[in-house]
Amino acid sequence: DFKVRSWNPAAEKTFGYTEEEILGKHA
């Protein structure tokens, strides 16, 4: 469904969201 399942530390730095904030969110 294009929702985030996992997110690495570099993605946190790039997009500014922690993994906890973005998990389950749509792209």
PDB file of all heavy atoms in Angstrom:
ATOM      1  N   ASP A   1       0.822  -1.214   0.000  1.00  0.00           N
ATOM      2  CA  ASP A   1       0.000   0.000   0.000  1.00  0.00           C
ATOM      3  C   ASP A   1       0.855   1.263   0.000  1.00  0.00           C
ATOM      4  O   ASP A   1       0.357   2.356   0.206  1.00  0.00           O
ATOM      5  CB  ASP A   1      -0.940   0.004   1.209  1.00  0.00           C
ATOM      6  CG  ASP A   1      -1.954  -1.108   1.145  1.00  0.00           C
ATOM      7  OD1 ASP A   1      -2.435  -1.402   0.036  1.00  0.00           O
ATOM      8  OD2 ASP A   1      -2.255  -1.696   2.205  1.00  0.00           O
ATOM      9  N   PHE A   2       2.171   1.082  -0.199  1.00  0.00           N
ATOM     10  CA  PHE A   2       3.131   2.176  -0.230  1.00  0.00           C
ATOM     11  C   PHE A   2       3.246   2.870   1.124  1.00  0.00           C
ATOM     12  O   PHE A   2       3.413   4.071   1.222  1.00  0.00           O
ATOM     13  CB  PHE A   2       2.806   3.154  -1.352  1.00  0.00           C
ATOM     14  CG  PHE A   2       4.019   3.728  -2.035  1.00  0.00           C
ATOM     15  CD1 PHE A   2       5.191   3.011  -2.152  1.00  0.00           C
ATOM     16  CD2 PHE A   2       3.980   4.991  -2.568  1.00  0.00           C
ATOM     17  CE1 PHE A   2       6.303   3.542  -2.785  1.00  0.00           C
ATOM     18  CE2 PHE A   2       5.086   5.545  -3.205  1.00  0.00           C
ATOM     19  CZ  PHE A   2       6.245   4.808  -3.315  1.00  0.00           C
ATOM     20  N   LYS A   3       3.137   2.068   2.181  1.00  0.00           N
ATOM     21  CA  LYS A   3       3.350   2.566   3.540  1.00  0.00           C
ATOM     22  C   LYS A   3       4.703   2.059   4.029  1.00  0.00           C
ATOM     23  O   LYS A   3       5.139   0.969   3.673  1.00  0.00           O
ATOM     24  CB  LYS A   3       2.234   2.094   4.471  1.00  0.00           C
ATOM     25  CG  LYS A   3       0.895   2.719   4.120  1.00  0.00           C
ATOM     26  CD  LYS A   3      -0.180   2.283   5.069  1.00  0.00           C
ATOM     27  CE  LYS A   3      -1.509   2.912   4.663  1.00  0.00           C
ATOM     28  NZ  LYS A   3      -2.600   2.446   5.506  1.00  0.00           N
ATOM     29  N   VAL A   4       5.360   2.847   4.855  1.00  0.00           N
ATOM     30  CA  VAL A   4       6.706   2.528   5.328  1.00  0.00           C
ATOM     31  C   VAL A   4       6.675   1.329   6.279  1.00  0.00           C
ATOM     32  O   VAL A   4       5.927   1.329   7.256  1.00  0.00           O
ATOM     33  CB  VAL A   4       7.341   3.742   6.043  1.00  0.00           C
ATOM     34  CG1 VAL A   4       8.711   3.390   6.594  1.00  0.00           C
ATOM     35  CG2 VAL A   4       7.417   4.932   5.100  1.00  0.00           C
ATOM     36  N   ARG A   5       7.490   0.312   5.947  1.00  0.00           N
ATOM     37  CA  ARG A   5       7.632  -0.863   6.813  1.00  0.00           C
ATOM     38  C   ARG A   5       8.903  -0.777   7.646  1.00  0.00           C
ATOM     39  O   ARG A   5       8.943  -1.249   8.771  1.00  0.00           O
ATOM     40  CB  ARG A   5       7.674  -2.135   5.980  1.00  0.00           C
ATOM     41  CG  ARG A   5       6.322  -2.494   5.401  1.00  0.00           C
ATOM     42  CD  ARG A   5       6.388  -3.758   4.632  1.00  0.00           C
ATOM     43  NE  ARG A   5       7.022  -4.803   5.459  1.00  0.00           N
ATOM     44  CZ  ARG A   5       7.031  -6.082   5.144  1.00  0.00           C
ATOM     45  NH1 ARG A   5       6.473  -6.481   4.042  1.00  0.00           N
ATOM     46  NH2 ARG A   5       7.609  -6.951   5.924  1.00  0.00           N
ATOM     47  N   SER A   6       9.964  -0.222   7.051  1.00  0.00           N
ATOM     48  CA  SER A   6      11.201   0.003   7.805  1.00  0.00           C
ATOM     49  C   SER A   6      11.945   1.178   7.195  1.00  0.00           C
ATOM     50  O   SER A   6      11.725   1.546   6.043  1.00  0.00           O
ATOM     51  CB  SER A   6      12.070  -1.264   7.829  1.00  0.00           C
ATOM     52  OG  SER A   6      12.477  -1.618   6.539  1.00  0.00           O
ATOM     53  N   TRP A   7      12.845   1.722   7.991  1.00  0.00           N
ATOM     54  CA  TRP A   7      13.435   3.023   7.680  1.00  0.00           C
ATOM     55  C   TRP A   7      14.776   3.052   8.386  1.00  0.00           C
ATOM     56  O   TRP A   7      14.844   2.895   9.600  1.00  0.00           O
ATOM     57  CB  TRP A   7      12.455   4.022   8.266  1.00  0.00           C
ATOM     58  CG  TRP A   7      12.661   5.478   8.218  1.00  0.00           C
ATOM     59  CD1 TRP A   7      13.306   6.237   9.142  1.00  0.00           C
ATOM     60  CD2 TRP A   7      12.138   6.387   7.269  1.00  0.00           C
ATOM     61  NE1 TRP A   7      13.215   7.553   8.833  1.00  0.00           N
ATOM     62  CE2 TRP A   7      12.489   7.670   7.665  1.00  0.00           C
ATOM     63  CE3 TRP A   7      11.400   6.238   6.111  1.00  0.00           C
ATOM     64  CZ2 TRP A   7      12.137   8.804   6.948  1.00  0.00           C
ATOM     65  CZ3 TRP A   7      11.050   7.366   5.412  1.00  0.00           C
ATOM     66  CH2 TRP A   7      11.413   8.626   5.818  1.00  0.00           C
ATOM     67  N   ASN A   8      15.864   3.237   7.667  1.00  0.00           N
ATOM     68  CA  ASN A   8      17.166   3.194   8.325  1.00  0.00           C
ATOM     69  C   ASN A   8      17.590   4.567   8.848  1.00  0.00           C
ATOM     70  O   ASN A   8      16.954   5.579   8.551  1.00  0.00           O
ATOM     71  CB  ASN A   8      18.216   2.567   7.406  1.00  0.00           C
ATOM     72  CG  ASN A   8      18.671   3.483   6.290  1.00  0.00           C
ATOM     73  OD1 ASN A   8      18.046   4.491   6.000  1.00  0.00           O
ATOM     74  ND2 ASN A   8      19.758   3.112   5.645  1.00  0.00           N
ATOM     75  N   PRO A   9      18.670   4.624   9.657  1.00  0.00           N
ATOM     76  CA  PRO A   9      19.115   5.905  10.229  1.00  0.00           C
ATOM     77  C   PRO A   9      19.434   6.971   9.180  1.00  0.00           C
ATOM     78  O   PRO A   9      19.178   8.157   9.412  1.00  0.00           O
ATOM     79  CB  PRO A   9      20.362   5.513  11.031  1.00  0.00           C
ATOM     80  CG  PRO A   9      20.107   4.097  11.439  1.00  0.00           C
ATOM     81  CD  PRO A   9      19.410   3.494  10.244  1.00  0.00           C
ATOM     82  N   ALA A  10      19.966   6.577   8.032  1.00  0.00           N
ATOM     83  CA  ALA A  10      20.252   7.564   6.988  1.00  0.00           C
ATOM     84  C   ALA A  10      18.962   8.180   6.453  1.00  0.00           C
ATOM     85  O   ALA A  10      18.925   9.370   6.125  1.00  0.00           O
ATOM     86  CB  ALA A  10      21.050   6.920   5.855  1.00  0.00           C
ATOM     87  N   ALA A  11      17.887   7.408   6.378  1.00  0.00           N
ATOM     88  CA  ALA A  11      16.593   7.951   5.954  1.00  0.00           C
ATOM     89  C   ALA A  11      16.080   8.935   7.000  1.00  0.00           C
ATOM     90  O   ALA A  11      15.467   9.948   6.652  1.00  0.00           O
ATOM     91  CB  ALA A  11      15.584   6.831   5.723  1.00  0.00           C
ATOM     92  N   GLU A  12      16.331   8.643   8.270  1.00  0.00           N
ATOM     93  CA  GLU A  12      15.937   9.585   9.331  1.00  0.00           C
ATOM     94  C   GLU A  12      16.615  10.932   9.109  1.00  0.00           C
ATOM     95  O   GLU A  12      15.975  11.983   9.190  1.00  0.00           O
ATOM     96  CB  GLU A  12      16.312   9.039  10.716  1.00  0.00           C
ATOM     97  CG  GLU A  12      15.463   7.894  11.175  1.00  0.00           C
ATOM     98  CD  GLU A  12      15.794   7.437  12.599  1.00  0.00           C
ATOM     99  OE1 GLU A  12      16.667   8.043  13.262  1.00  0.00           O
ATOM    100  OE2 GLU A  12      15.163   6.462  13.039  1.00  0.00           O
ATOM    101  N   LYS A  13      17.921  10.898   8.807  1.00  0.00           N
ATOM    102  CA  LYS A  13      18.664  12.145   8.579  1.00  0.00           C
ATOM    103  C   LYS A  13      18.178  12.848   7.307  1.00  0.00           C
ATOM    104  O   LYS A  13      18.067  14.069   7.284  1.00  0.00           O
ATOM    105  CB  LYS A  13      20.158  11.849   8.461  1.00  0.00           C
ATOM    106  CG  LYS A  13      20.790  11.434   9.760  1.00  0.00           C
ATOM    107  CD  LYS A  13      22.259  11.099   9.567  1.00  0.00           C
ATOM    108  CE  LYS A  13      22.845  10.571  10.857  1.00  0.00           C
ATOM    109  NZ  LYS A  13      24.221  10.078  10.672  1.00  0.00           N
ATOM    110  N   THR A  14      17.895  12.097   6.285  1.00  0.00           N
ATOM    111  CA  THR A  14      17.482  12.675   5.004  1.00  0.00           C
ATOM    112  C   THR A  14      16.113  13.334   5.095  1.00  0.00           C
ATOM    113  O   THR A  14      15.914  14.446   4.600  1.00  0.00           O
ATOM    114  CB  THR A  14      17.455  11.589   3.906  1.00  0.00           C
ATOM    115  OG1 THR A  14      18.763  11.027   3.793  1.00  0.00           O
ATOM    116  CG2 THR A  14      17.021  12.164   2.569  1.00  0.00           C
ATOM    117  N   PHE A  15      15.153  12.638   5.721  1.00  0.00           N
ATOM    118  CA  PHE A  15      13.770  13.118   5.714  1.00  0.00           C
ATOM    119  C   PHE A  15      13.327  13.789   7.010  1.00  0.00           C
ATOM    120  O   PHE A  15      12.269  14.406   7.048  1.00  0.00           O
ATOM    121  CB  PHE A  15      12.829  11.958   5.377  1.00  0.00           C
ATOM    122  CG  PHE A  15      13.042  11.417   3.997  1.00  0.00           C
ATOM    123  CD1 PHE A  15      13.735  10.233   3.807  1.00  0.00           C
ATOM    124  CD2 PHE A  15      12.570  12.088   2.891  1.00  0.00           C
ATOM    125  CE1 PHE A  15      13.940   9.733   2.530  1.00  0.00           C
ATOM    126  CE2 PHE A  15      12.777  11.597   1.610  1.00  0.00           C
ATOM    127  CZ  PHE A  15      13.471  10.424   1.434  1.00  0.00           C
ATOM    128  N   GLY A  16      14.101  13.636   8.075  1.00  0.00           N
ATOM    129  CA  GLY A  16      13.788  14.325   9.319  1.00  0.00           C
ATOM    130  C   GLY A  16      12.756  13.656  10.211  1.00  0.00           C
ATOM    131  O   GLY A  16      12.298  14.260  11.168  1.00  0.00           O
ATOM    132  N   TYR A  17      12.377  12.440   9.910  1.00  0.00           N
ATOM    133  CA  TYR A  17      11.438  11.687  10.748  1.00  0.00           C
ATOM    134  C   TYR A  17      12.173  10.516  11.397  1.00  0.00           C
ATOM    135  O   TYR A  17      12.982   9.861  10.745  1.00  0.00           O
ATOM    136  CB  TYR A  17      10.294  11.091   9.916  1.00  0.00           C
ATOM    137  CG  TYR A  17       9.351  12.086   9.312  1.00  0.00           C
ATOM    138  CD1 TYR A  17       9.492  12.489   7.994  1.00  0.00           C
ATOM    139  CD2 TYR A  17       8.295  12.600  10.052  1.00  0.00           C
ATOM    140  CE1 TYR A  17       8.609  13.390   7.427  1.00  0.00           C
ATOM    141  CE2 TYR A  17       7.405  13.503   9.488  1.00  0.00           C
ATOM    142  CZ  TYR A  17       7.570  13.898   8.180  1.00  0.00           C
ATOM    143  OH  TYR A  17       6.699  14.785   7.623  1.00  0.00           O
ATOM    144  N   THR A  18      11.857  10.240  12.638  1.00  0.00           N
ATOM    145  CA  THR A  18      12.398   9.032  13.247  1.00  0.00           C
ATOM    146  C   THR A  18      11.613   7.841  12.702  1.00  0.00           C
ATOM    147  O   THR A  18      10.520   8.000  12.151  1.00  0.00           O
ATOM    148  CB  THR A  18      12.252   9.043  14.779  1.00  0.00           C
ATOM    149  OG1 THR A  18      10.864   9.021  15.112  1.00  0.00           O
ATOM    150  CG2 THR A  18      12.935  10.254  15.399  1.00  0.00           C
ATOM    151  N   GLU A  19      12.162   6.664  12.875  1.00  0.00           N
ATOM    152  CA  GLU A  19      11.466   5.466  12.398  1.00  0.00           C
ATOM    153  C   GLU A  19      10.108   5.327  13.095  1.00  0.00           C
ATOM    154  O   GLU A  19       9.117   4.988  12.459  1.00  0.00           O
ATOM    155  CB  GLU A  19      12.322   4.217  12.642  1.00  0.00           C
ATOM    156  CG  GLU A  19      11.706   2.970  12.051  1.00  0.00           C
ATOM    157  CD  GLU A  19      12.564   1.736  12.210  1.00  0.00           C
ATOM    158  OE1 GLU A  19      13.314   1.649  13.200  1.00  0.00           O
ATOM    159  OE2 GLU A  19      12.467   0.858  11.347  1.00  0.00           O
ATOM    160  N   GLU A  20      10.068   5.626  14.376  1.00  0.00           N
ATOM    161  CA  GLU A  20       8.805   5.522  15.117  1.00  0.00           C
ATOM    162  C   GLU A  20       7.739   6.463  14.555  1.00  0.00           C
ATOM    163  O   GLU A  20       6.565   6.130  14.512  1.00  0.00           O
ATOM    164  CB  GLU A  20       9.022   5.816  16.611  1.00  0.00           C
ATOM    165  CG  GLU A  20       9.862   4.787  17.340  1.00  0.00           C
ATOM    166  CD  GLU A  20      11.370   4.948  17.087  1.00  0.00           C
ATOM    167  OE1 GLU A  20      11.822   6.061  16.736  1.00  0.00           O
ATOM    168  OE2 GLU A  20      12.080   3.942  17.207  1.00  0.00           O
ATOM    169  N   GLU A  21       8.157   7.649  14.120  1.00  0.00           N
ATOM    170  CA  GLU A  21       7.214   8.624  13.576  1.00  0.00           C
ATOM    171  C   GLU A  21       6.684   8.227  12.195  1.00  0.00           C
ATOM    172  O   GLU A  21       5.547   8.557  11.857  1.00  0.00           O
ATOM    173  CB  GLU A  21       7.888  10.002  13.447  1.00  0.00           C
ATOM    174  CG  GLU A  21       8.225  10.653  14.759  1.00  0.00           C
ATOM    175  CD  GLU A  21       9.058  11.910  14.581  1.00  0.00           C
ATOM    176  OE1 GLU A  21       9.983  11.918  13.744  1.00  0.00           O
ATOM    177  OE2 GLU A  21       8.779  12.892  15.300  1.00  0.00           O
ATOM    178  N   ILE A  22       7.496   7.526  11.410  1.00  0.00           N
ATOM    179  CA  ILE A  22       7.132   7.284  10.007  1.00  0.00           C
ATOM    180  C   ILE A  22       6.555   5.908   9.736  1.00  0.00           C
ATOM    181  O   ILE A  22       5.840   5.714   8.750  1.00  0.00           O
ATOM    182  CB  ILE A  22       8.359   7.554   9.086  1.00  0.00           C
ATOM    183  CG1 ILE A  22       7.940   7.819   7.647  1.00  0.00           C
ATOM    184  CG2 ILE A  22       9.348   6.416   9.167  1.00  0.00           C
ATOM    185  CD1 ILE A  22       7.269   9.114   7.413  1.00  0.00           C
ATOM    186  N   LEU A  23       6.818   4.935  10.593  1.00  0.00           N
ATOM    187  CA  LEU A  23       6.316   3.579  10.343  1.00  0.00           C
ATOM    188  C   LEU A  23       4.800   3.584  10.163  1.00  0.00           C
ATOM    189  O   LEU A  23       4.068   4.208  10.920  1.00  0.00           O
ATOM    190  CB  LEU A  23       6.688   2.634  11.489  1.00  0.00           C
ATOM    191  CG  LEU A  23       8.133   2.190  11.551  1.00  0.00           C
ATOM    192  CD1 LEU A  23       8.340   1.230  12.719  1.00  0.00           C
ATOM    193  CD2 LEU A  23       8.602   1.557  10.269  1.00  0.00           C
ATOM    194  N   GLY A  24       4.354   2.915   9.096  1.00  0.00           N
ATOM    195  CA  GLY A  24       2.925   2.831   8.818  1.00  0.00           C
ATOM    196  C   GLY A  24       2.365   4.014   8.054  1.00  0.00           C
ATOM    197  O   GLY A  24       1.217   3.987   7.623  1.00  0.00           O
ATOM    198  N   LYS A  25       3.176   5.058   7.861  1.00  0.00           N
ATOM    199  CA  LYS A  25       2.717   6.235   7.124  1.00  0.00           C
ATOM    200  C   LYS A  25       2.864   5.998   5.619  1.00  0.00           C
ATOM    201  O   LYS A  25       3.746   5.301   5.160  1.00  0.00           O
ATOM    202  CB  LYS A  25       3.530   7.468   7.521  1.00  0.00           C
ATOM    203  CG  LYS A  25       3.459   7.835   8.984  1.00  0.00           C
ATOM    204  CD  LYS A  25       2.228   8.611   9.284  1.00  0.00           C
ATOM    205  CE  LYS A  25       2.194   9.308  10.605  1.00  0.00           C
ATOM    206  NZ  LYS A  25       2.337   8.611  11.810  1.00  0.00           N
ATOM    207  N   HIS A  26       1.997   6.618   4.852  1.00  0.00           N
ATOM    208  CA  HIS A  26       2.024   6.521   3.397  1.00  0.00           C
ATOM    209  C   HIS A  26       3.190   7.358   2.849  1.00  0.00           C
ATOM    210  O   HIS A  26       3.602   8.346   3.452  1.00  0.00           O
ATOM    211  CB  HIS A  26       0.704   7.025   2.809  1.00  0.00           C
ATOM    212  CG  HIS A  26       0.566   6.740   1.355  1.00  0.00           C
ATOM    213  ND1 HIS A  26       0.954   7.634   0.391  1.00  0.00           N
ATOM    214  CD2 HIS A  26       0.111   5.645   0.697  1.00  0.00           C
ATOM    215  CE1 HIS A  26       0.732   7.122  -0.802  1.00  0.00           C
ATOM    216  NE2 HIS A  26       0.222   5.908  -0.648  1.00  0.00           N
ATOM    217  N   ALA A  27       3.678   6.964   1.702  1.00  0.00           N
ATOM    218  CA  ALA A  27       4.802   7.646   1.057  1.00  0.00           C
ATOM    219  C   ALA A  27       4.536   9.124   0.829  1.00  0.00           C
ATOM    220  O   ALA A  27       5.467   9.930   0.776  1.00  0.00           O
ATOM    221  CB  ALA A  27       5.123   6.961  -0.262  1.00  0.00           C
TER     222      ALA A  27
END
